[in-house]
Amino acid sequence: MPVKRVQDRSAGRRAPRGVVGATYDTLTSPENAAVVRSIAIFGVAVTFFASSWAEFLLPP
């Protein structure tokens, strides 16, 4: 009598990742950490210089 094989349904097929899930995985992967951090710092700097808080850097 042949041996019965039990198939794990989750191992064979996975649900396709959505755009949000794939983007989150890409942004949080360790190999992209430096790029994501640089873009975030650039965004904070642009926001700061475009706001009224940048006037504190001007000499009196």
C-alpha atoms as a PDB file:
ATOM      1  CA  MET A   1       0.000   0.000   0.000  1.00  0.00           C
ATOM      2  CA  PRO A   2       1.523   3.388  -0.966  1.00  0.00           C
ATOM      3  CA  VAL A   3       2.329   5.964   1.679  1.00  0.00           C
ATOM      4  CA  LYS A   4      -0.166   8.790   1.917  1.00  0.00           C
ATOM      5  CA  ARG A   5       1.282  12.258   1.605  1.00  0.00           C
ATOM      6  CA  VAL A   6      -0.267  15.055   3.581  1.00  0.00           C
ATOM      7  CA  GLN A   7      -0.079  18.343   1.716  1.00  0.00           C
ATOM      8  CA  ASP A   8       0.230  21.571   3.612  1.00  0.00           C
ATOM      9  CA  ARG A   9      -1.979  24.073   1.823  1.00  0.00           C
ATOM     10  CA  SER A  10      -0.063  27.090   3.054  1.00  0.00           C
ATOM     11  CA  ALA A  11       3.263  25.781   1.719  1.00  0.00           C
ATOM     12  CA  GLY A  12       2.077  25.291  -1.856  1.00  0.00           C
ATOM     13  CA  ARG A  13       0.314  28.552  -2.596  1.00  0.00           C
ATOM     14  CA  ARG A  14       0.511  31.902  -0.933  1.00  0.00           C
ATOM     15  CA  ALA A  15      -1.940  34.702  -1.322  1.00  0.00           C
ATOM     16  CA  PRO A  16      -0.539  37.433  -3.566  1.00  0.00           C
ATOM     17  CA  ARG A  17       0.811  40.412  -1.670  1.00  0.00           C
ATOM     18  CA  GLY A  18      -0.942  43.677  -2.158  1.00  0.00           C
ATOM     19  CA  VAL A  19       0.781  46.871  -3.176  1.00  0.00           C
ATOM     20  CA  VAL A  20       0.804  48.171   0.386  1.00  0.00           C
ATOM     21  CA  GLY A  21       2.241  44.951   1.804  1.00  0.00           C
ATOM     22  CA  ALA A  22       4.949  44.708  -0.830  1.00  0.00           C
ATOM     23  CA  THR A  23       5.878  48.373  -0.350  1.00  0.00           C
ATOM     24  CA  TYR A  24       6.067  47.920   3.417  1.00  0.00           C
ATOM     25  CA  ASP A  25       8.304  44.863   3.035  1.00  0.00           C
ATOM     26  CA  THR A  26      10.588  46.769   0.659  1.00  0.00           C
ATOM     27  CA  LEU A  27      10.869  49.802   2.941  1.00  0.00           C
ATOM     28  CA  THR A  28      11.557  47.770   6.059  1.00  0.00           C
ATOM     29  CA  SER A  29      14.115  45.381   4.577  1.00  0.00           C
ATOM     30  CA  PRO A  30      17.601  45.740   6.092  1.00  0.00           C
ATOM     31  CA  GLU A  31      19.342  46.239   2.752  1.00  0.00           C
ATOM     32  CA  ASN A  32      17.260  49.357   2.044  1.00  0.00           C
ATOM     33  CA  ALA A  33      17.644  50.931   5.492  1.00  0.00           C
ATOM     34  CA  ALA A  34      20.288  53.504   4.472  1.00  0.00           C
ATOM     35  CA  VAL A  35      18.316  54.703   1.455  1.00  0.00           C
ATOM     36  CA  VAL A  36      15.048  54.976   3.383  1.00  0.00           C
ATOM     37  CA  ARG A  37      16.793  56.838   6.215  1.00  0.00           C
ATOM     38  CA  SER A  38      18.431  59.284   3.783  1.00  0.00           C
ATOM     39  CA  ILE A  39      15.141  60.041   2.035  1.00  0.00           C
ATOM     40  CA  ALA A  40      13.414  60.566   5.398  1.00  0.00           C
ATOM     41  CA  ILE A  41      16.108  62.986   6.607  1.00  0.00           C
ATOM     42  CA  PHE A  42      15.934  64.876   3.304  1.00  0.00           C
ATOM     43  CA  GLY A  43      12.154  65.182   3.658  1.00  0.00           C
ATOM     44  CA  VAL A  44      12.446  66.479   7.213  1.00  0.00           C
ATOM     45  CA  ALA A  45      15.080  69.040   6.136  1.00  0.00           C
ATOM     46  CA  VAL A  46      12.955  70.303   3.235  1.00  0.00           C
ATOM     47  CA  THR A  47       9.932  70.576   5.503  1.00  0.00           C
ATOM     48  CA  PHE A  48      11.950  72.473   8.115  1.00  0.00           C
ATOM     49  CA  PHE A  49      13.415  74.956   5.628  1.00  0.00           C
ATOM     50  CA  ALA A  50       9.998  75.564   4.050  1.00  0.00           C
ATOM     51  CA  SER A  51       8.397  76.327   7.410  1.00  0.00           C
ATOM     52  CA  SER A  52       8.565  79.424   9.570  1.00  0.00           C
ATOM     53  CA  TRP A  53      10.948  77.611  11.947  1.00  0.00           C
ATOM     54  CA  ALA A  54      13.782  78.204   9.466  1.00  0.00           C
ATOM     55  CA  GLU A  55      13.772  81.902  10.448  1.00  0.00           C
ATOM     56  CA  PHE A  56      15.559  80.934  13.665  1.00  0.00           C
ATOM     57  CA  LEU A  57      18.669  80.231  11.567  1.00  0.00           C
ATOM     58  CA  LEU A  58      18.853  83.810  10.286  1.00  0.00           C
ATOM     59  CA  PRO A  59      21.238  86.117  12.134  1.00  0.00           C
ATOM     60  CA  PRO A  60      19.589  88.861  14.213  1.00  0.00           C
END
